Amino acid sequence: MPAKFLVDSERPNALITGASRGIGRAIAEALSADGYDLILTCKHSIGDLETYAGTLADKYGISVCTERVDMSSASDVRELFEGIHDLDVLVNNAGISYIGLLQDMSDEEWNDVIGTNLSSAFYTSRCAIPLMLKKQYGRILNISSVWGNVGASLEVAYSASKGGLNAFTRALSKELAPSQIAVNAIACGVIDTDMNSGFSPEDMDELKKEIPADRIGSPEEVAKLVSLVLKAPLYMTGQVITLDGGWT
């Protein structure tokens, strides 16, 4: 870094964080199908992300750039944006979880969760807003969780980070609405991703029984909703939209 990203294309463009797997990967596919050029980030699996980016570029005829970025690092995010001179959409998807008693959590583990899930949205939004203000248009979409609404035992840090992200969404939307920049969030329920790998099959079965839809959601369903939200009127802003099969 810094590289120069997508400054000459006539297509709309989007930055998706945490795009190497799960929900982020599905969002990348959905926005590729919608004709976006993409900037995709991840922290660890850059080789896998580069391969996936090539597949998307070939399949949809778009430009896809990849970058390894620690989204919890303000300096990393600032460096990433040194190469971005135009941006239509920011999808803050990067996230990690911690499952365990709060009393057993270390300072580093707490800071990792808050930094990756919440501070990262501040870092990226702070850099993206000036680009969107120049064109008096933009969309910021934060991938949140139902635990940010109701909280979860053994996931206090995760719940706190997502609750903060929901409040961040609502507050920032009020700042940016006069500039035709919409800020929304999607609060996901139980989605079939690696983040749930810490739960046993029995735990997942018990969770499924609590969900009126009688199944776990898919990353592709989240991605479809992302696509719909990005097509909604800009008048829809400040919303935290729940996608959980009727669970909460």
Protein backbone atom coordinates (compact mmCIF):
# COMPACT_ATOMS: atom_id res chain seq x y z
CA MET A 1 0.00 0.00 0.00
CA PRO A 2 -0.97 2.54 -1.06
CA ALA A 3 -2.28 1.36 -4.42
CA LYS A 4 -4.50 3.33 -6.76
CA PHE A 5 -7.99 1.89 -7.01
CA LEU A 6 -10.76 2.31 -9.52
CA VAL A 7 -10.52 5.99 -10.34
CA ASP A 8 -11.46 5.97 -14.02
CA SER A 9 -14.38 3.57 -14.32
CA GLU A 10 -17.86 4.75 -15.23
CA ARG A 11 -19.33 1.94 -13.15
CA PRO A 12 -20.30 2.54 -9.51
CA ASN A 13 -17.77 1.25 -7.04
CA ALA A 14 -17.87 -0.22 -3.55
CA LEU A 15 -15.45 -1.01 -0.77
CA ILE A 16 -16.29 -4.20 1.15
CA THR A 17 -14.29 -5.01 4.27
CA GLY A 18 -13.79 -8.56 5.49
CA ALA A 19 -14.57 -9.98 2.07
CA SER A 20 -12.57 -13.20 2.00
CA ARG A 21 -15.29 -15.46 3.39
CA GLY A 22 -18.84 -15.76 4.68
CA ILE A 23 -21.08 -12.73 4.43
CA GLY A 24 -18.43 -10.45 2.91
CA ARG A 25 -17.68 -12.93 0.16
CA ALA A 26 -21.40 -13.27 -0.65
CA ILE A 27 -21.81 -9.48 -0.72
CA ALA A 28 -18.93 -9.23 -3.17
CA GLU A 29 -20.70 -11.66 -5.49
CA ALA A 30 -24.01 -9.81 -5.23
CA LEU A 31 -22.51 -6.40 -5.94
CA SER A 32 -20.47 -7.83 -8.81
CA ALA A 33 -23.72 -9.06 -10.34
CA ASP A 34 -25.15 -5.55 -9.83
CA GLY A 35 -22.30 -4.09 -11.89
CA TYR A 36 -20.08 -2.57 -9.22
CA ASP A 37 -16.33 -2.33 -9.41
CA LEU A 38 -14.98 -3.56 -6.09
CA ILE A 39 -12.25 -2.99 -3.55
CA LEU A 40 -12.10 -5.99 -1.22
CA THR A 41 -10.12 -6.24 2.00
CA CYS A 42 -9.19 -8.98 4.42
CA LYS A 43 -6.72 -9.37 7.26
CA HIS A 44 -5.38 -12.88 6.74
CA SER A 45 -6.55 -14.81 3.66
CA ILE A 46 -5.25 -12.51 0.94
CA GLY A 47 -4.33 -15.39 -1.41
CA ASP A 48 -7.86 -16.78 -1.31
CA LEU A 49 -9.30 -13.29 -1.76
CA GLU A 50 -7.10 -12.58 -4.79
CA THR A 51 -8.24 -15.82 -6.41
CA TYR A 52 -11.87 -14.99 -5.72
CA ALA A 53 -11.41 -11.47 -7.07
CA GLY A 54 -10.10 -12.90 -10.34
CA THR A 55 -13.12 -15.17 -10.59
CA LEU A 56 -15.52 -12.25 -10.07
CA ALA A 57 -13.70 -10.05 -12.58
CA ASP A 58 -13.83 -12.75 -15.26
CA LYS A 59 -17.44 -13.70 -14.57
CA TYR A 60 -18.94 -10.20 -14.45
CA GLY A 61 -16.52 -8.09 -16.51
CA ILE A 62 -15.77 -5.71 -13.65
CA SER A 63 -12.62 -4.45 -11.92
CA VAL A 64 -11.81 -6.01 -8.57
CA CYS A 65 -8.91 -4.89 -6.38
CA THR A 66 -7.79 -6.59 -3.19
CA GLU A 67 -5.79 -5.40 -0.21
CA ARG A 68 -4.63 -6.90 3.07
CA VAL A 69 -5.77 -4.47 5.78
CA ASP A 70 -6.15 -4.69 9.54
CA MET A 71 -9.44 -2.80 9.79
CA SER A 72 -8.89 -2.22 13.52
CA SER A 73 -5.83 -0.12 12.66
CA ALA A 74 -6.47 3.56 11.93
CA SER A 75 -3.14 3.85 10.10
CA ASP A 76 -3.87 0.81 7.91
CA VAL A 77 -7.25 2.22 6.92
CA ARG A 78 -5.78 5.67 6.25
CA GLU A 79 -3.15 4.10 4.01
CA LEU A 80 -5.78 2.10 2.13
CA PHE A 81 -7.75 5.26 1.39
CA GLU A 82 -4.69 7.04 0.03
CA GLY A 83 -5.34 5.03 -3.13
CA ILE A 84 -9.11 5.58 -3.25
CA HIS A 85 -10.16 8.81 -4.93
CA ASP A 86 -13.80 8.00 -5.67
CA LEU A 87 -16.27 5.91 -3.71
CA ASP A 88 -20.01 5.30 -4.03
CA VAL A 89 -20.60 2.58 -1.44
CA LEU A 90 -18.88 1.51 1.78
CA VAL A 91 -19.89 -1.84 3.30
CA ASN A 92 -18.45 -2.27 6.79
CA ASN A 93 -18.55 -6.04 7.14
CA ALA A 94 -15.28 -6.98 8.89
CA GLY A 95 -16.04 -8.62 12.21
CA ILE A 96 -14.82 -11.09 14.80
CA SER A 97 -16.43 -12.68 17.84
CA TYR A 98 -15.39 -13.87 21.28
CA ILE A 99 -17.36 -16.55 23.09
CA GLY A 100 -16.74 -16.89 26.78
CA LEU A 101 -17.31 -15.34 30.17
CA LEU A 102 -16.53 -11.63 30.38
CA GLN A 103 -14.46 -12.21 33.53
CA ASP A 104 -12.12 -14.46 31.53
CA MET A 105 -11.60 -11.97 28.69
CA SER A 106 -8.24 -10.24 28.37
CA ASP A 107 -7.72 -6.57 27.55
CA GLU A 108 -6.31 -7.56 24.17
CA GLU A 109 -9.31 -9.76 23.32
CA TRP A 110 -11.74 -6.98 24.28
CA ASN A 111 -9.85 -4.40 22.24
CA ASP A 112 -9.64 -6.74 19.23
CA VAL A 113 -13.42 -7.21 19.16
CA ILE A 114 -14.24 -3.53 19.67
CA GLY A 115 -11.55 -2.42 17.23
CA THR A 116 -12.55 -4.80 14.44
CA ASN A 117 -16.32 -4.54 14.81
CA LEU A 118 -16.84 -0.90 15.81
CA SER A 119 -13.74 1.29 15.55
CA SER A 120 -13.17 0.05 12.00
CA ALA A 121 -16.49 1.60 10.93
CA PHE A 122 -15.31 4.93 12.35
CA TYR A 123 -11.97 4.69 10.56
CA THR A 124 -13.47 3.80 7.18
CA SER A 125 -16.37 6.24 7.40
CA ARG A 126 -14.06 9.08 8.39
CA CYS A 127 -12.05 8.49 5.22
CA ALA A 128 -15.03 7.75 2.94
CA ILE A 129 -17.20 10.73 3.88
CA PRO A 130 -15.04 13.41 2.20
CA LEU A 131 -15.11 11.40 -1.06
CA MET A 132 -18.90 11.14 -0.89
CA LEU A 133 -19.35 14.79 0.08
CA LYS A 134 -17.51 15.83 -3.08
CA LYS A 135 -20.19 14.17 -5.19
CA GLN A 136 -23.10 14.79 -2.79
CA TYR A 137 -23.93 11.10 -2.93
CA GLY A 138 -23.00 7.93 -1.13
CA ARG A 139 -24.14 4.94 0.87
CA ILE A 140 -22.65 3.47 4.00
CA LEU A 141 -23.98 0.08 5.06
CA ASN A 142 -22.90 -1.58 8.30
CA ILE A 143 -23.28 -5.32 8.87
CA SER A 144 -24.46 -5.68 12.45
CA SER A 145 -26.16 -8.34 14.57
CA VAL A 146 -29.34 -8.92 16.52
CA TRP A 147 -27.06 -9.22 19.57
CA GLY A 148 -26.51 -5.49 19.18
CA ASN A 149 -30.24 -5.08 19.84
CA VAL A 150 -30.80 -7.55 22.67
CA GLY A 151 -27.40 -8.74 23.90
CA ALA A 152 -26.12 -12.28 24.29
CA SER A 153 -24.72 -14.15 27.28
CA LEU A 154 -21.08 -15.18 26.71
CA GLU A 155 -20.81 -12.62 23.89
CA VAL A 156 -20.73 -9.37 25.86
CA ALA A 157 -17.95 -7.71 23.86
CA TYR A 158 -19.50 -8.73 20.55
CA SER A 159 -22.93 -7.48 21.69
CA ALA A 160 -21.43 -4.21 22.89
CA SER A 161 -19.59 -3.69 19.60
CA LYS A 162 -22.70 -4.31 17.52
CA GLY A 163 -24.90 -2.20 19.80
CA GLY A 164 -22.38 0.58 19.33
CA LEU A 165 -22.46 0.02 15.57
CA ASN A 166 -26.24 0.37 15.56
CA ALA A 167 -26.03 3.66 17.48
CA PHE A 168 -23.20 4.79 15.19
CA THR A 169 -25.45 4.09 12.19
CA ARG A 170 -28.39 6.06 13.50
CA ALA A 171 -26.30 9.04 14.62
CA LEU A 172 -24.15 9.28 11.48
CA SER A 173 -27.24 9.09 9.28
CA LYS A 174 -28.46 12.33 10.83
CA GLU A 175 -25.17 14.08 10.06
CA LEU A 176 -25.05 12.94 6.46
CA ALA A 177 -28.70 12.99 5.33
CA PRO A 178 -28.48 16.64 4.15
CA SER A 179 -25.63 15.60 1.83
CA GLN A 180 -27.56 12.75 0.18
CA ILE A 181 -25.50 10.09 1.91
CA ALA A 182 -27.55 7.22 3.35
CA VAL A 183 -26.30 5.28 6.37
CA ASN A 184 -28.04 2.02 7.30
CA ALA A 185 -27.28 -1.28 9.00
CA ILE A 186 -28.41 -4.88 8.71
CA ALA A 187 -28.75 -6.72 12.03
CA CYS A 188 -28.20 -10.37 11.18
CA GLY A 189 -29.53 -13.29 13.16
CA VAL A 190 -27.85 -16.71 13.07
CA ILE A 191 -26.10 -16.99 9.72
CA ASP A 192 -24.21 -20.04 8.45
CA THR A 193 -20.65 -18.71 8.63
CA ASP A 194 -17.32 -19.68 10.17
CA MET A 195 -18.05 -17.29 13.03
CA ASN A 196 -20.42 -19.93 14.41
CA SER A 197 -17.84 -22.72 14.21
CA GLY A 198 -17.32 -22.48 17.98
CA PHE A 199 -20.80 -23.85 18.55
CA SER A 200 -21.41 -27.59 18.60
CA PRO A 201 -23.91 -29.18 16.20
CA GLU A 202 -26.18 -29.68 19.21
CA ASP A 203 -25.96 -25.98 20.07
CA MET A 204 -26.81 -25.06 16.49
CA ASP A 205 -29.78 -27.42 16.50
CA GLU A 206 -31.08 -25.79 19.69
CA LEU A 207 -30.68 -22.36 18.12
CA LYS A 208 -32.55 -23.46 15.03
CA LYS A 209 -35.49 -24.62 17.15
CA GLU A 210 -35.83 -21.07 18.50
CA ILE A 211 -36.08 -19.53 15.03
CA PRO A 212 -39.63 -19.36 13.62
CA ALA A 213 -38.28 -19.87 10.09
CA ASP A 214 -36.91 -23.22 11.38
CA ARG A 215 -33.50 -22.81 9.76
CA ILE A 216 -30.23 -20.92 9.85
CA GLY A 217 -29.84 -18.00 7.46
CA SER A 218 -27.34 -18.00 4.59
CA PRO A 219 -24.69 -15.43 3.64
CA GLU A 220 -26.38 -15.16 0.26
CA GLU A 221 -29.60 -13.99 1.92
CA VAL A 222 -27.69 -11.22 3.69
CA ALA A 223 -26.08 -10.28 0.37
CA LYS A 224 -29.48 -10.08 -1.33
CA LEU A 225 -30.67 -7.68 1.34
CA VAL A 226 -27.52 -5.60 0.95
CA SER A 227 -28.26 -5.32 -2.77
CA LEU A 228 -31.83 -4.23 -2.04
CA VAL A 229 -30.82 -1.64 0.56
CA LEU A 230 -28.31 -0.12 -1.85
CA LYS A 231 -31.11 0.27 -4.41
CA ALA A 232 -33.54 1.85 -1.94
CA PRO A 233 -34.32 5.59 -2.05
CA LEU A 234 -31.79 7.74 -0.21
CA TYR A 235 -34.70 8.85 1.98
CA MET A 236 -34.32 5.49 3.72
CA THR A 237 -31.50 6.25 6.13
CA GLY A 238 -30.73 5.65 9.79
CA GLN A 239 -32.36 2.22 9.72
CA VAL A 240 -31.18 -0.96 11.46
CA ILE A 241 -32.92 -3.68 9.46
CA THR A 242 -33.28 -7.07 11.13
CA LEU A 243 -32.75 -10.27 9.13
CA ASP A 244 -33.26 -13.18 11.49
CA GLY A 245 -36.11 -15.45 10.37
CA GLY A 246 -38.44 -13.92 12.97
CA TRP A 247 -36.18 -14.90 15.85
CA THR A 248 -36.01 -11.66 17.91
